């Protein structure tokens, strides 16, 4: 596992910000194509990325 992935697994917010900066534009473009509108893509991306720690907590509960 690379260093950023290890930091993400620990819930490091800075690592998440780095990941977001690296791929948000591509993910947004994908969402626009799949969903059909920029507004829907904006909503999905924001909801998905707004609280990465909550996703980490959710996945930890389901895998334990």
PDB file of N, CA and C in Angstrom:
ATOM      1  N   UNK A   1       0.858  -1.178   0.000  1.00  0.00           N
ATOM      2  CA  UNK A   1       0.000   0.000   0.000  1.00  0.00           C
ATOM      3  C   UNK A   1       0.903   1.240   0.000  1.00  0.00           C
ATOM      4  N   UNK A   2       0.580   2.205  -0.843  1.00  0.00           N
ATOM      5  CA  UNK A   2       1.419   3.400  -0.866  1.00  0.00           C
ATOM      6  C   UNK A   2       1.141   4.285   0.348  1.00  0.00           C
ATOM      7  N   UNK A   3       1.996   5.260   0.529  1.00  0.00           N
ATOM      8  CA  UNK A   3       1.945   6.120   1.717  1.00  0.00           C
ATOM      9  C   UNK A   3       0.618   6.873   1.827  1.00  0.00           C
ATOM     10  N   UNK A   4       0.117   7.412   0.710  1.00  0.00           N
ATOM     11  CA  UNK A   4      -1.152   8.146   0.774  1.00  0.00           C
ATOM     12  C   UNK A   4      -2.302   7.208   1.153  1.00  0.00           C
ATOM     13  N   UNK A   5      -2.313   6.018   0.612  1.00  0.00           N
ATOM     14  CA  UNK A   5      -3.372   5.059   0.947  1.00  0.00           C
ATOM     15  C   UNK A   5      -3.341   4.714   2.430  1.00  0.00           C
ATOM     16  N   UNK A   6      -2.159   4.571   2.984  1.00  0.00           N
ATOM     17  CA  UNK A   6      -2.046   4.302   4.417  1.00  0.00           C
ATOM     18  C   UNK A   6      -2.592   5.474   5.232  1.00  0.00           C
ATOM     19  N   UNK A   7      -2.277   6.690   4.803  1.00  0.00           N
ATOM     20  CA  UNK A   7      -2.786   7.880   5.491  1.00  0.00           C
ATOM     21  C   UNK A   7      -4.305   7.969   5.371  1.00  0.00           C
ATOM     22  N   UNK A   8      -4.833   7.647   4.192  1.00  0.00           N
ATOM     23  CA  UNK A   8      -6.285   7.644   4.011  1.00  0.00           C
ATOM     24  C   UNK A   8      -6.946   6.631   4.937  1.00  0.00           C
ATOM     25  N   UNK A   9      -6.353   5.461   5.038  1.00  0.00           N
ATOM     26  CA  UNK A   9      -6.902   4.410   5.901  1.00  0.00           C
ATOM     27  C   UNK A   9      -6.940   4.851   7.359  1.00  0.00           C
ATOM     28  N   UNK A  10      -6.019   5.705   7.736  1.00  0.00           N
ATOM     29  CA  UNK A  10      -5.993   6.229   9.117  1.00  0.00           C
ATOM     30  C   UNK A  10      -6.938   7.421   9.291  1.00  0.00           C
ATOM     31  N   UNK A  11      -7.569   7.870   8.207  1.00  0.00           N
ATOM     32  CA  UNK A  11      -8.492   9.003   8.294  1.00  0.00           C
ATOM     33  C   UNK A  11      -7.816  10.358   8.203  1.00  0.00           C
ATOM     34  N   UNK A  12      -6.629  10.416   7.631  1.00  0.00           N
ATOM     35  CA  UNK A  12      -5.864  11.658   7.493  1.00  0.00           C
ATOM     36  C   UNK A  12      -6.573  12.606   6.512  1.00  0.00           C
ATOM     37  N   UNK A  13      -7.054  13.735   7.009  1.00  0.00           N
ATOM     38  CA  UNK A  13      -7.791  14.701   6.191  1.00  0.00           C
ATOM     39  C   UNK A  13      -6.920  15.322   5.097  1.00  0.00           C
ATOM     40  N   UNK A  14      -5.659  15.557   5.386  1.00  0.00           N
ATOM     41  CA  UNK A  14      -4.758  16.122   4.370  1.00  0.00           C
ATOM     42  C   UNK A  14      -4.569  15.148   3.205  1.00  0.00           C
ATOM     43  N   UNK A  15      -4.472  13.868   3.505  1.00  0.00           N
ATOM     44  CA  UNK A  15      -4.351  12.861   2.442  1.00  0.00           C
ATOM     45  C   UNK A  15      -5.609  12.858   1.581  1.00  0.00           C
ATOM     46  N   UNK A  16      -6.770  13.022   2.216  1.00  0.00           N
ATOM     47  CA  UNK A  16      -8.007  13.083   1.441  1.00  0.00           C
ATOM     48  C   UNK A  16      -8.006  14.321   0.544  1.00  0.00           C
ATOM     49  N   UNK A  17      -7.557  15.453   1.066  1.00  0.00           N
ATOM     50  CA  UNK A  17      -7.503  16.677   0.263  1.00  0.00           C
ATOM     51  C   UNK A  17      -6.584  16.478  -0.948  1.00  0.00           C
ATOM     52  N   UNK A  18      -5.471  15.809  -0.757  1.00  0.00           N
ATOM     53  CA  UNK A  18      -4.552  15.524  -1.869  1.00  0.00           C
ATOM     54  C   UNK A  18      -5.229  14.639  -2.914  1.00  0.00           C
ATOM     55  N   UNK A  19      -5.931  13.616  -2.451  1.00  0.00           N
ATOM     56  CA  UNK A  19      -6.629  12.716  -3.362  1.00  0.00           C
ATOM     57  C   UNK A  19      -7.714  13.476  -4.126  1.00  0.00           C
ATOM     58  N   UNK A  20      -8.478  14.274  -3.412  1.00  0.00           N
ATOM     59  CA  UNK A  20      -9.535  15.072  -4.043  1.00  0.00           C
ATOM     60  C   UNK A  20      -8.943  15.980  -5.118  1.00  0.00           C
ATOM     61  N   UNK A  21      -7.882  16.696  -4.776  1.00  0.00           N
ATOM     62  CA  UNK A  21      -7.249  17.605  -5.740  1.00  0.00           C
ATOM     63  C   UNK A  21      -6.757  16.848  -6.974  1.00  0.00           C
ATOM     64  N   UNK A  22      -6.303  15.624  -6.774  1.00  0.00           N
ATOM     65  CA  UNK A  22      -5.745  14.844  -7.873  1.00  0.00           C
ATOM     66  C   UNK A  22      -6.812  14.289  -8.822  1.00  0.00           C
ATOM     67  N   UNK A  23      -8.028  14.058  -8.326  1.00  0.00           N
ATOM     68  CA  UNK A  23      -8.988  13.366  -9.200  1.00  0.00           C
ATOM     69  C   UNK A  23     -10.378  13.978  -9.288  1.00  0.00           C
ATOM     70  N   UNK A  24     -10.685  15.032  -8.570  1.00  0.00           N
ATOM     71  CA  UNK A  24     -12.046  15.572  -8.560  1.00  0.00           C
ATOM     72  C   UNK A  24     -12.526  15.996  -9.950  1.00  0.00           C
ATOM     73  N   UNK A  25     -11.670  16.619 -10.745  1.00  0.00           N
ATOM     74  CA  UNK A  25     -12.086  17.064 -12.082  1.00  0.00           C
ATOM     75  C   UNK A  25     -12.488  15.881 -12.962  1.00  0.00           C
ATOM     76  N   UNK A  26     -11.704  14.807 -12.916  1.00  0.00           N
ATOM     77  CA  UNK A  26     -12.027  13.624 -13.728  1.00  0.00           C
ATOM     78  C   UNK A  26     -13.292  12.937 -13.238  1.00  0.00           C
ATOM     79  N   UNK A  27     -13.450  12.855 -11.928  1.00  0.00           N
ATOM     80  CA  UNK A  27     -14.659  12.236 -11.369  1.00  0.00           C
ATOM     81  C   UNK A  27     -15.880  13.080 -11.731  1.00  0.00           C
ATOM     82  N   UNK A  28     -15.747  14.398 -11.631  1.00  0.00           N
ATOM     83  CA  UNK A  28     -16.862  15.278 -11.976  1.00  0.00           C
ATOM     84  C   UNK A  28     -17.250  15.093 -13.439  1.00  0.00           C
ATOM     85  N   UNK A  29     -16.278  15.041 -14.324  1.00  0.00           N
ATOM     86  CA  UNK A  29     -16.574  14.839 -15.746  1.00  0.00           C
ATOM     87  C   UNK A  29     -17.312  13.512 -15.951  1.00  0.00           C
ATOM     88  N   UNK A  30     -16.832  12.455 -15.315  1.00  0.00           N
ATOM     89  CA  UNK A  30     -17.495  11.155 -15.404  1.00  0.00           C
ATOM     90  C   UNK A  30     -18.950  11.255 -14.936  1.00  0.00           C
ATOM     91  N   UNK A  31     -19.166  11.937 -13.823  1.00  0.00           N
ATOM     92  CA  UNK A  31     -20.519  12.079 -13.289  1.00  0.00           C
ATOM     93  C   UNK A  31     -21.424  12.879 -14.223  1.00  0.00           C
ATOM     94  N   UNK A  32     -20.890  13.926 -14.843  1.00  0.00           N
ATOM     95  CA  UNK A  32     -21.685  14.702 -15.799  1.00  0.00           C
ATOM     96  C   UNK A  32     -22.128  13.806 -16.956  1.00  0.00           C
ATOM     97  N   UNK A  33     -21.208  13.013 -17.461  1.00  0.00           N
ATOM     98  CA  UNK A  33     -21.539  12.119 -18.577  1.00  0.00           C
ATOM     99  C   UNK A  33     -22.596  11.102 -18.147  1.00  0.00           C
ATOM    100  N   UNK A  34     -22.420  10.516 -16.989  1.00  0.00           N
ATOM    101  CA  UNK A  34     -23.353   9.473 -16.525  1.00  0.00           C
ATOM    102  C   UNK A  34     -24.703  10.031 -16.090  1.00  0.00           C
ATOM    103  N   UNK A  35     -24.703  11.180 -15.422  1.00  0.00           N
ATOM    104  CA  UNK A  35     -25.944  11.717 -14.859  1.00  0.00           C
ATOM    105  C   UNK A  35     -26.654  12.693 -15.785  1.00  0.00           C
ATOM    106  N   UNK A  36     -25.907  13.289 -16.713  1.00  0.00           N
ATOM    107  CA  UNK A  36     -26.533  14.149 -17.705  1.00  0.00           C
ATOM    108  C   UNK A  36     -26.532  15.633 -17.400  1.00  0.00           C
ATOM    109  N   UNK A  37     -26.320  16.031 -16.145  1.00  0.00           N
ATOM    110  CA  UNK A  37     -26.291  17.466 -15.849  1.00  0.00           C
ATOM    111  C   UNK A  37     -25.155  17.789 -14.890  1.00  0.00           C
ATOM    112  N   UNK A  38     -24.642  19.002 -15.041  1.00  0.00           N
ATOM    113  CA  UNK A  38     -23.594  19.463 -14.122  1.00  0.00           C
ATOM    114  C   UNK A  38     -24.127  19.590 -12.703  1.00  0.00           C
ATOM    115  N   UNK A  39     -25.366  20.035 -12.570  1.00  0.00           N
ATOM    116  CA  UNK A  39     -25.946  20.218 -11.232  1.00  0.00           C
ATOM    117  C   UNK A  39     -26.011  18.892 -10.480  1.00  0.00           C
ATOM    118  N   UNK A  40     -26.457  17.829 -11.155  1.00  0.00           N
ATOM    119  CA  UNK A  40     -26.500  16.516 -10.502  1.00  0.00           C
ATOM    120  C   UNK A  40     -25.097  16.031 -10.167  1.00  0.00           C
ATOM    121  N   UNK A  41     -24.161  16.246 -11.087  1.00  0.00           N
ATOM    122  CA  UNK A  41     -22.780  15.839 -10.836  1.00  0.00           C
ATOM    123  C   UNK A  41     -22.200  16.603  -9.645  1.00  0.00           C
ATOM    124  N   UNK A  42     -22.482  17.909  -9.582  1.00  0.00           N
ATOM    125  CA  UNK A  42     -22.017  18.710  -8.444  1.00  0.00           C
ATOM    126  C   UNK A  42     -22.553  18.148  -7.129  1.00  0.00           C
ATOM    127  N   UNK A  43     -23.846  17.839  -7.112  1.00  0.00           N
ATOM    128  CA  UNK A  43     -24.477  17.323  -5.895  1.00  0.00           C
ATOM    129  C   UNK A  43     -23.864  15.997  -5.451  1.00  0.00           C
ATOM    130  N   UNK A  44     -23.704  15.078  -6.393  1.00  0.00           N
ATOM    131  CA  UNK A  44     -23.169  13.763  -6.055  1.00  0.00           C
ATOM    132  C   UNK A  44     -21.725  13.875  -5.585  1.00  0.00           C
ATOM    133  N   UNK A  45     -20.918  14.659  -6.278  1.00  0.00           N
ATOM    134  CA  UNK A  45     -19.525  14.813  -5.876  1.00  0.00           C
ATOM    135  C   UNK A  45     -19.427  15.453  -4.494  1.00  0.00           C
ATOM    136  N   UNK A  46     -20.236  16.477  -4.257  1.00  0.00           N
ATOM    137  CA  UNK A  46     -20.199  17.144  -2.960  1.00  0.00           C
ATOM    138  C   UNK A  46     -20.629  16.192  -1.847  1.00  0.00           C
ATOM    139  N   UNK A  47     -21.714  15.463  -2.069  1.00  0.00           N
ATOM    140  CA  UNK A  47     -22.196  14.548  -1.037  1.00  0.00           C
ATOM    141  C   UNK A  47     -21.188  13.433  -0.769  1.00  0.00           C
ATOM    142  N   UNK A  48     -20.568  12.953  -1.818  1.00  0.00           N
ATOM    143  CA  UNK A  48     -19.601  11.874  -1.678  1.00  0.00           C
ATOM    144  C   UNK A  48     -18.343  12.330  -0.947  1.00  0.00           C
ATOM    145  N   UNK A  49     -17.935  13.561  -1.200  1.00  0.00           N
ATOM    146  CA  UNK A  49     -16.655  14.029  -0.669  1.00  0.00           C
ATOM    147  C   UNK A  49     -16.772  14.976   0.516  1.00  0.00           C
ATOM    148  N   UNK A  50     -17.973  15.319   0.931  1.00  0.00           N
ATOM    149  CA  UNK A  50     -18.117  16.344   1.966  1.00  0.00           C
ATOM    150  C   UNK A  50     -17.610  15.908   3.330  1.00  0.00           C
ATOM    151  N   UNK A  51     -17.745  14.629   3.671  1.00  0.00           N
ATOM    152  CA  UNK A  51     -17.284  14.166   4.978  1.00  0.00           C
ATOM    153  C   UNK A  51     -16.644  12.796   4.836  1.00  0.00           C
ATOM    154  N   UNK A  52     -15.405  12.773   4.367  1.00  0.00           N
ATOM    155  CA  UNK A  52     -14.759  11.478   4.131  1.00  0.00           C
ATOM    156  C   UNK A  52     -14.613  10.650   5.410  1.00  0.00           C
ATOM    157  N   UNK A  53     -14.520  11.310   6.541  1.00  0.00           N
ATOM    158  CA  UNK A  53     -14.368  10.572   7.799  1.00  0.00           C
ATOM    159  C   UNK A  53     -15.614   9.756   8.101  1.00  0.00           C
ATOM    160  N   UNK A  54     -16.798  10.259   7.724  1.00  0.00           N
ATOM    161  CA  UNK A  54     -18.009   9.493   7.989  1.00  0.00           C
ATOM    162  C   UNK A  54     -18.032   8.228   7.139  1.00  0.00           C
ATOM    163  N   UNK A  55     -17.539   8.300   5.926  1.00  0.00           N
ATOM    164  CA  UNK A  55     -17.438   7.107   5.088  1.00  0.00           C
ATOM    165  C   UNK A  55     -16.464   6.106   5.668  1.00  0.00           C
ATOM    166  N   UNK A  56     -15.379   6.615   6.221  1.00  0.00           N
ATOM    167  CA  UNK A  56     -14.389   5.743   6.867  1.00  0.00           C
ATOM    168  C   UNK A  56     -15.020   5.040   8.057  1.00  0.00           C
ATOM    169  N   UNK A  57     -15.784   5.770   8.855  1.00  0.00           N
ATOM    170  CA  UNK A  57     -16.452   5.163  10.008  1.00  0.00           C
ATOM    171  C   UNK A  57     -17.470   4.133   9.553  1.00  0.00           C
ATOM    172  N   UNK A  58     -18.234   4.454   8.500  1.00  0.00           N
ATOM    173  CA  UNK A  58     -19.238   3.523   7.985  1.00  0.00           C
ATOM    174  C   UNK A  58     -18.597   2.246   7.509  1.00  0.00           C
ATOM    175  N   UNK A  59     -17.526   2.353   6.712  1.00  0.00           N
ATOM    176  CA  UNK A  59     -16.895   1.158   6.175  1.00  0.00           C
ATOM    177  C   UNK A  59     -16.220   0.348   7.261  1.00  0.00           C
ATOM    178  N   UNK A  60     -15.729   1.015   8.304  1.00  0.00           N
ATOM    179  CA  UNK A  60     -15.113   0.290   9.409  1.00  0.00           C
ATOM    180  C   UNK A  60     -16.140  -0.542  10.156  1.00  0.00           C
ATOM    181  N   UNK A  61     -17.338  -0.004  10.306  1.00  0.00           N
ATOM    182  CA  UNK A  61     -18.403  -0.728  11.001  1.00  0.00           C
ATOM    183  C   UNK A  61     -18.853  -1.933  10.183  1.00  0.00           C
ATOM    184  N   UNK A  62     -18.916  -1.816   8.883  1.00  0.00           N
ATOM    185  CA  UNK A  62     -19.438  -2.900   8.063  1.00  0.00           C
ATOM    186  C   UNK A  62     -18.428  -4.004   7.842  1.00  0.00           C
ATOM    187  N   UNK A  63     -17.142  -3.711   7.999  1.00  0.00           N
ATOM    188  CA  UNK A  63     -16.120  -4.720   7.767  1.00  0.00           C
ATOM    189  C   UNK A  63     -15.655  -5.396   9.044  1.00  0.00           C
ATOM    190  N   UNK A  64     -16.079  -4.908  10.187  1.00  0.00           N
ATOM    191  CA  UNK A  64     -15.634  -5.484  11.451  1.00  0.00           C
ATOM    192  C   UNK A  64     -16.474  -6.663  11.854  1.00  0.00           C
TER     193      UNK A  64
END
